[in-house]
Amino acid sequence: MKKFAFNLVNLLLDGITINVTDFFRDRDMWDTFTNDVLPQQLQEMNRRKNKILRIWSAGCSIGEEPHIL
């Protein structure tokens, strides 16, 4: 019974996690950010003569996401 419960827990964890530990987890999203979003924001900053770029990053339970930016 313990082995069955252990397997169920592993199946649950596998289903609710992304199982990726790469620095750039979703390359397409980073490419879009780098090639589209960031240049637009920098252009808008330049147009407004603003020298501060503010980026919000939703945190995670161990705080890794803000460090990616």
PDB file of N, CA and C in Angstrom:
ATOM      1  N   MET A   1       0.821  -1.200   0.000  1.00  0.00           N
ATOM      2  CA  MET A   1       0.000   0.000   0.000  1.00  0.00           C
ATOM      3  C   MET A   1       0.869   1.270   0.000  1.00  0.00           C
ATOM      4  N   LYS A   2       1.985   1.239   0.740  1.00  0.00           N
ATOM      5  CA  LYS A   2       2.845   2.418   0.786  1.00  0.00           C
ATOM      6  C   LYS A   2       3.423   2.741  -0.590  1.00  0.00           C
ATOM      7  N   LYS A   3       3.808   1.699  -1.322  1.00  0.00           N
ATOM      8  CA  LYS A   3       4.362   1.914  -2.657  1.00  0.00           C
ATOM      9  C   LYS A   3       3.308   2.510  -3.580  1.00  0.00           C
ATOM     10  N   PHE A   4       2.062   2.042  -3.465  1.00  0.00           N
ATOM     11  CA  PHE A   4       0.974   2.572  -4.275  1.00  0.00           C
ATOM     12  C   PHE A   4       0.745   4.051  -3.965  1.00  0.00           C
ATOM     13  N   ALA A   5       0.734   4.421  -2.677  1.00  0.00           N
ATOM     14  CA  ALA A   5       0.547   5.820  -2.275  1.00  0.00           C
ATOM     15  C   ALA A   5       1.717   6.669  -2.755  1.00  0.00           C
ATOM     16  N   PHE A   6       2.930   6.146  -2.659  1.00  0.00           N
ATOM     17  CA  PHE A   6       4.111   6.862  -3.133  1.00  0.00           C
ATOM     18  C   PHE A   6       4.002   7.133  -4.625  1.00  0.00           C
ATOM     19  N   ASN A   7       3.571   6.136  -5.391  1.00  0.00           N
ATOM     20  CA  ASN A   7       3.397   6.309  -6.834  1.00  0.00           C
ATOM     21  C   ASN A   7       2.321   7.345  -7.148  1.00  0.00           C
ATOM     22  N   LEU A   8       1.250   7.353  -6.385  1.00  0.00           N
ATOM     23  CA  LEU A   8       0.196   8.354  -6.589  1.00  0.00           C
ATOM     24  C   LEU A   8       0.714   9.766  -6.330  1.00  0.00           C
ATOM     25  N   VAL A   9       1.503   9.908  -5.285  1.00  0.00           N
ATOM     26  CA  VAL A   9       2.091  11.222  -4.980  1.00  0.00           C
ATOM     27  C   VAL A   9       3.011  11.649  -6.114  1.00  0.00           C
ATOM     28  N   ASN A  10       3.816  10.753  -6.615  1.00  0.00           N
ATOM     29  CA  ASN A  10       4.711  11.087  -7.729  1.00  0.00           C
ATOM     30  C   ASN A  10       3.927  11.471  -8.973  1.00  0.00           C
ATOM     31  N   LEU A  11       2.845  10.756  -9.261  1.00  0.00           N
ATOM     32  CA  LEU A  11       1.999  11.099 -10.406  1.00  0.00           C
ATOM     33  C   LEU A  11       1.377  12.485 -10.231  1.00  0.00           C
ATOM     34  N   LEU A  12       0.929  12.787  -9.026  1.00  0.00           N
ATOM     35  CA  LEU A  12       0.346  14.101  -8.749  1.00  0.00           C
ATOM     36  C   LEU A  12       1.396  15.197  -8.941  1.00  0.00           C
ATOM     37  N   LEU A  13       2.563  15.029  -8.353  1.00  0.00           N
ATOM     38  CA  LEU A  13       3.624  16.031  -8.500  1.00  0.00           C
ATOM     39  C   LEU A  13       4.032  16.210  -9.946  1.00  0.00           C
ATOM     40  N   ASP A  14       4.100  15.122 -10.670  1.00  0.00           N
ATOM     41  CA  ASP A  14       4.454  15.193 -12.086  1.00  0.00           C
ATOM     42  C   ASP A  14       3.393  15.954 -12.879  1.00  0.00           C
ATOM     43  N   GLY A  15       2.143  15.818 -12.473  1.00  0.00           N
ATOM     44  CA  GLY A  15       1.054  16.482 -13.179  1.00  0.00           C
ATOM     45  C   GLY A  15       0.925  17.963 -12.885  1.00  0.00           C
ATOM     46  N   ILE A  16       1.355  18.409 -11.694  1.00  0.00           N
ATOM     47  CA  ILE A  16       1.171  19.815 -11.325  1.00  0.00           C
ATOM     48  C   ILE A  16       2.442  20.647 -11.425  1.00  0.00           C
ATOM     49  N   THR A  17       3.545  20.034 -11.780  1.00  0.00           N
ATOM     50  CA  THR A  17       4.791  20.792 -11.943  1.00  0.00           C
ATOM     51  C   THR A  17       5.224  20.760 -13.400  1.00  0.00           C
ATOM     52  N   ILE A  18       6.123  21.660 -13.759  1.00  0.00           N
ATOM     53  CA  ILE A  18       6.541  21.735 -15.158  1.00  0.00           C
ATOM     54  C   ILE A  18       7.764  20.874 -15.462  1.00  0.00           C
ATOM     55  N   ASN A  19       8.428  20.380 -14.432  1.00  0.00           N
ATOM     56  CA  ASN A  19       9.568  19.472 -14.592  1.00  0.00           C
ATOM     57  C   ASN A  19      10.674  20.040 -15.471  1.00  0.00           C
ATOM     58  N   VAL A  20      10.910  21.326 -15.358  1.00  0.00           N
ATOM     59  CA  VAL A  20      11.965  21.977 -16.126  1.00  0.00           C
ATOM     60  C   VAL A  20      12.809  22.791 -15.160  1.00  0.00           C
ATOM     61  N   THR A  21      14.120  22.658 -15.257  1.00  0.00           N
ATOM     62  CA  THR A  21      15.004  23.436 -14.393  1.00  0.00           C
ATOM     63  C   THR A  21      15.920  24.344 -15.197  1.00  0.00           C
ATOM     64  N   ASP A  22      15.647  24.507 -16.481  1.00  0.00           N
ATOM     65  CA  ASP A  22      16.464  25.383 -17.312  1.00  0.00           C
ATOM     66  C   ASP A  22      16.304  26.831 -16.881  1.00  0.00           C
ATOM     67  N   PHE A  23      17.336  27.628 -17.122  1.00  0.00           N
ATOM     68  CA  PHE A  23      17.271  29.047 -16.780  1.00  0.00           C
ATOM     69  C   PHE A  23      16.158  29.732 -17.570  1.00  0.00           C
ATOM     70  N   PHE A  24      16.072  29.467 -18.851  1.00  0.00           N
ATOM     71  CA  PHE A  24      14.992  29.994 -19.680  1.00  0.00           C
ATOM     72  C   PHE A  24      14.008  28.864 -19.916  1.00  0.00           C
ATOM     73  N   ARG A  25      12.965  28.841 -19.126  1.00  0.00           N
ATOM     74  CA  ARG A  25      12.033  27.721 -19.184  1.00  0.00           C
ATOM     75  C   ARG A  25      11.211  27.703 -20.458  1.00  0.00           C
ATOM     76  N   ASP A  26      10.866  28.845 -20.952  1.00  0.00           N
ATOM     77  CA  ASP A  26      10.024  28.911 -22.142  1.00  0.00           C
ATOM     78  C   ASP A  26      10.705  29.843 -23.134  1.00  0.00           C
ATOM     79  N   ARG A  27      11.513  29.280 -23.996  1.00  0.00           N
ATOM     80  CA  ARG A  27      12.343  30.067 -24.908  1.00  0.00           C
ATOM     81  C   ARG A  27      11.520  31.003 -25.793  1.00  0.00           C
ATOM     82  N   ASP A  28      10.352  30.537 -26.267  1.00  0.00           N
ATOM     83  CA  ASP A  28       9.508  31.384 -27.116  1.00  0.00           C
ATOM     84  C   ASP A  28       9.069  32.657 -26.393  1.00  0.00           C
ATOM     85  N   MET A  29       8.745  32.533 -25.112  1.00  0.00           N
ATOM     86  CA  MET A  29       8.334  33.711 -24.341  1.00  0.00           C
ATOM     87  C   MET A  29       9.490  34.696 -24.190  1.00  0.00           C
ATOM     88  N   TRP A  30      10.681  34.191 -23.916  1.00  0.00           N
ATOM     89  CA  TRP A  30      11.844  35.069 -23.777  1.00  0.00           C
ATOM     90  C   TRP A  30      12.198  35.728 -25.107  1.00  0.00           C
ATOM     91  N   ASP A  31      12.056  34.987 -26.194  1.00  0.00           N
ATOM     92  CA  ASP A  31      12.310  35.577 -27.512  1.00  0.00           C
ATOM     93  C   ASP A  31      11.321  36.697 -27.796  1.00  0.00           C
ATOM     94  N   THR A  32      10.055  36.486 -27.479  1.00  0.00           N
ATOM     95  CA  THR A  32       9.035  37.526 -27.666  1.00  0.00           C
ATOM     96  C   THR A  32       9.339  38.730 -26.793  1.00  0.00           C
ATOM     97  N   PHE A  33       9.705  38.482 -25.545  1.00  0.00           N
ATOM     98  CA  PHE A  33      10.044  39.586 -24.645  1.00  0.00           C
ATOM     99  C   PHE A  33      11.235  40.373 -25.189  1.00  0.00           C
ATOM    100  N   THR A  34      12.283  39.662 -25.589  1.00  0.00           N
ATOM    101  CA  THR A  34      13.512  40.298 -26.057  1.00  0.00           C
ATOM    102  C   THR A  34      13.334  41.026 -27.385  1.00  0.00           C
ATOM    103  N   ASN A  35      12.596  40.411 -28.307  1.00  0.00           N
ATOM    104  CA  ASN A  35      12.494  40.959 -29.655  1.00  0.00           C
ATOM    105  C   ASN A  35      11.327  41.918 -29.858  1.00  0.00           C
ATOM    106  N   ASP A  36      10.287  41.803 -29.054  1.00  0.00           N
ATOM    107  CA  ASP A  36       9.088  42.618 -29.261  1.00  0.00           C
ATOM    108  C   ASP A  36       8.790  43.561 -28.091  1.00  0.00           C
ATOM    109  N   VAL A  37       8.610  42.982 -26.922  1.00  0.00           N
ATOM    110  CA  VAL A  37       8.163  43.763 -25.764  1.00  0.00           C
ATOM    111  C   VAL A  37       9.224  44.756 -25.294  1.00  0.00           C
ATOM    112  N   LEU A  38      10.423  44.288 -25.047  1.00  0.00           N
ATOM    113  CA  LEU A  38      11.475  45.162 -24.525  1.00  0.00           C
ATOM    114  C   LEU A  38      11.808  46.314 -25.476  1.00  0.00           C
ATOM    115  N   PRO A  39      11.996  46.081 -26.772  1.00  0.00           N
ATOM    116  CA  PRO A  39      12.266  47.213 -27.664  1.00  0.00           C
ATOM    117  C   PRO A  39      11.134  48.250 -27.676  1.00  0.00           C
ATOM    118  N   GLN A  40       9.894  47.780 -27.615  1.00  0.00           N
ATOM    119  CA  GLN A  40       8.767  48.722 -27.573  1.00  0.00           C
ATOM    120  C   GLN A  40       8.801  49.557 -26.301  1.00  0.00           C
ATOM    121  N   GLN A  41       9.103  48.904 -25.176  1.00  0.00           N
ATOM    122  CA  GLN A  41       9.158  49.634 -23.914  1.00  0.00           C
ATOM    123  C   GLN A  41      10.310  50.635 -23.903  1.00  0.00           C
ATOM    124  N   LEU A  42      11.453  50.248 -24.425  1.00  0.00           N
ATOM    125  CA  LEU A  42      12.596  51.160 -24.474  1.00  0.00           C
ATOM    126  C   LEU A  42      12.322  52.337 -25.412  1.00  0.00           C
ATOM    127  N   GLN A  43      11.645  52.076 -26.511  1.00  0.00           N
ATOM    128  CA  GLN A  43      11.278  53.149 -27.433  1.00  0.00           C
ATOM    129  C   GLN A  43      10.308  54.122 -26.763  1.00  0.00           C
ATOM    130  N   GLU A  44       9.354  53.585 -26.027  1.00  0.00           N
ATOM    131  CA  GLU A  44       8.397  54.435 -25.309  1.00  0.00           C
ATOM    132  C   GLU A  44       9.102  55.234 -24.210  1.00  0.00           C
ATOM    133  N   MET A  45      10.037  54.604 -23.521  1.00  0.00           N
ATOM    134  CA  MET A  45      10.819  55.327 -22.501  1.00  0.00           C
ATOM    135  C   MET A  45      11.572  56.486 -23.132  1.00  0.00           C
ATOM    136  N   ASN A  46      12.180  56.243 -24.277  1.00  0.00           N
ATOM    137  CA  ASN A  46      12.946  57.273 -24.966  1.00  0.00           C
ATOM    138  C   ASN A  46      12.030  58.421 -25.408  1.00  0.00           C
ATOM    139  N   ARG A  47      10.859  58.050 -25.918  1.00  0.00           N
ATOM    140  CA  ARG A  47       9.901  59.059 -26.376  1.00  0.00           C
ATOM    141  C   ARG A  47       9.467  59.949 -25.214  1.00  0.00           C
ATOM    142  N   ARG A  48       9.282  59.367 -24.052  1.00  0.00           N
ATOM    143  CA  ARG A  48       8.837  60.126 -22.870  1.00  0.00           C
ATOM    144  C   ARG A  48       9.993  60.712 -22.068  1.00  0.00           C
ATOM    145  N   LYS A  49      11.201  60.451 -22.532  1.00  0.00           N
ATOM    146  CA  LYS A  49      12.409  60.897 -21.824  1.00  0.00           C
ATOM    147  C   LYS A  49      12.443  60.358 -20.389  1.00  0.00           C
ATOM    148  N   ASN A  50      12.013  59.126 -20.263  1.00  0.00           N
ATOM    149  CA  ASN A  50      11.988  58.443 -18.973  1.00  0.00           C
ATOM    150  C   ASN A  50      13.220  57.556 -18.885  1.00  0.00           C
ATOM    151  N   LYS A  51      13.912  57.591 -17.761  1.00  0.00           N
ATOM    152  CA  LYS A  51      15.143  56.813 -17.620  1.00  0.00           C
ATOM    153  C   LYS A  51      14.977  55.590 -16.724  1.00  0.00           C
ATOM    154  N   ILE A  52      13.753  55.316 -16.315  1.00  0.00           N
ATOM    155  CA  ILE A  52      13.517  54.185 -15.429  1.00  0.00           C
ATOM    156  C   ILE A  52      12.623  53.171 -16.130  1.00  0.00           C
ATOM    157  N   LEU A  53      13.110  51.954 -16.225  1.00  0.00           N
ATOM    158  CA  LEU A  53      12.320  50.863 -16.774  1.00  0.00           C
ATOM    159  C   LEU A  53      11.836  50.015 -15.609  1.00  0.00           C
ATOM    160  N   ARG A  54      10.533  49.909 -15.470  1.00  0.00           N
ATOM    161  CA  ARG A  54       9.958  49.117 -14.383  1.00  0.00           C
ATOM    162  C   ARG A  54       9.351  47.857 -14.973  1.00  0.00           C
ATOM    163  N   ILE A  55       9.758  46.729 -14.416  1.00  0.00           N
ATOM    164  CA  ILE A  55       9.259  45.437 -14.865  1.00  0.00           C
ATOM    165  C   ILE A  55       8.741  44.698 -13.640  1.00  0.00           C
ATOM    166  N   TRP A  56       7.505  44.227 -13.736  1.00  0.00           N
ATOM    167  CA  TRP A  56       6.936  43.437 -12.655  1.00  0.00           C
ATOM    168  C   TRP A  56       7.077  41.970 -13.000  1.00  0.00           C
ATOM    169  N   SER A  57       7.577  41.218 -12.069  1.00  0.00           N
ATOM    170  CA  SER A  57       7.699  39.785 -12.257  1.00  0.00           C
ATOM    171  C   SER A  57       6.974  39.091 -11.117  1.00  0.00           C
ATOM    172  N   ALA A  58       5.983  38.274 -11.466  1.00  0.00           N
ATOM    173  CA  ALA A  58       5.254  37.547 -10.430  1.00  0.00           C
ATOM    174  C   ALA A  58       6.215  36.610  -9.716  1.00  0.00           C
ATOM    175  N   GLY A  59       6.236  36.687  -8.432  1.00  0.00           N
ATOM    176  CA  GLY A  59       7.155  35.872  -7.645  1.00  0.00           C
ATOM    177  C   GLY A  59       6.684  34.439  -7.511  1.00  0.00           C
ATOM    178  N   CYS A  60       7.571  33.610  -7.071  1.00  0.00           N
ATOM    179  CA  CYS A  60       7.211  32.225  -6.773  1.00  0.00           C
ATOM    180  C   CYS A  60       7.547  31.976  -5.308  1.00  0.00           C
ATOM    181  N   SER A  61       7.230  30.806  -4.832  1.00  0.00           N
ATOM    182  CA  SER A  61       7.401  30.514  -3.414  1.00  0.00           C
ATOM    183  C   SER A  61       8.849  30.581  -2.956  1.00  0.00           C
ATOM    184  N   ILE A  62       9.805  30.373  -3.870  1.00  0.00           N
ATOM    185  CA  ILE A  62      11.211  30.451  -3.459  1.00  0.00           C
ATOM    186  C   ILE A  62      11.915  31.650  -4.069  1.00  0.00           C
ATOM    187  N   GLY A  63      11.167  32.523  -4.770  1.00  0.00           N
ATOM    188  CA  GLY A  63      11.694  33.789  -5.208  1.00  0.00           C
ATOM    189  C   GLY A  63      12.653  33.758  -6.377  1.00  0.00           C
ATOM    190  N   GLU A  64      12.577  32.779  -7.263  1.00  0.00           N
ATOM    191  CA  GLU A  64      13.530  32.697  -8.353  1.00  0.00           C
ATOM    192  C   GLU A  64      13.197  33.603  -9.532  1.00  0.00           C
ATOM    193  N   GLU A  65      11.921  33.807  -9.830  1.00  0.00           N
ATOM    194  CA  GLU A  65      11.562  34.527 -11.038  1.00  0.00           C
ATOM    195  C   GLU A  65      12.151  35.939 -11.126  1.00  0.00           C
ATOM    196  N   PRO A  66      12.131  36.741 -10.051  1.00  0.00           N
ATOM    197  CA  PRO A  66      12.721  38.083 -10.182  1.00  0.00           C
ATOM    198  C   PRO A  66      14.200  38.064 -10.556  1.00  0.00           C
ATOM    199  N   HIS A  67      14.903  37.014 -10.190  1.00  0.00           N
ATOM    200  CA  HIS A  67      16.326  36.946 -10.503  1.00  0.00           C
ATOM    201  C   HIS A  67      16.585  36.610 -11.967  1.00  0.00           C
ATOM    202  N   ILE A  68      15.599  36.052 -12.648  1.00  0.00           N
ATOM    203  CA  ILE A  68      15.749  35.745 -14.070  1.00  0.00           C
ATOM    204  C   ILE A  68      15.831  37.011 -14.876  1.00  0.00           C
ATOM    205  N   LEU A  69      15.021  38.015 -14.511  1.00  0.00           N
ATOM    206  CA  LEU A  69      15.014  39.262 -15.259  1.00  0.00           C
ATOM    207  C   LEU A  69      16.341  39.967 -15.112  1.00  0.00           C
TER     208      LEU A  69
END
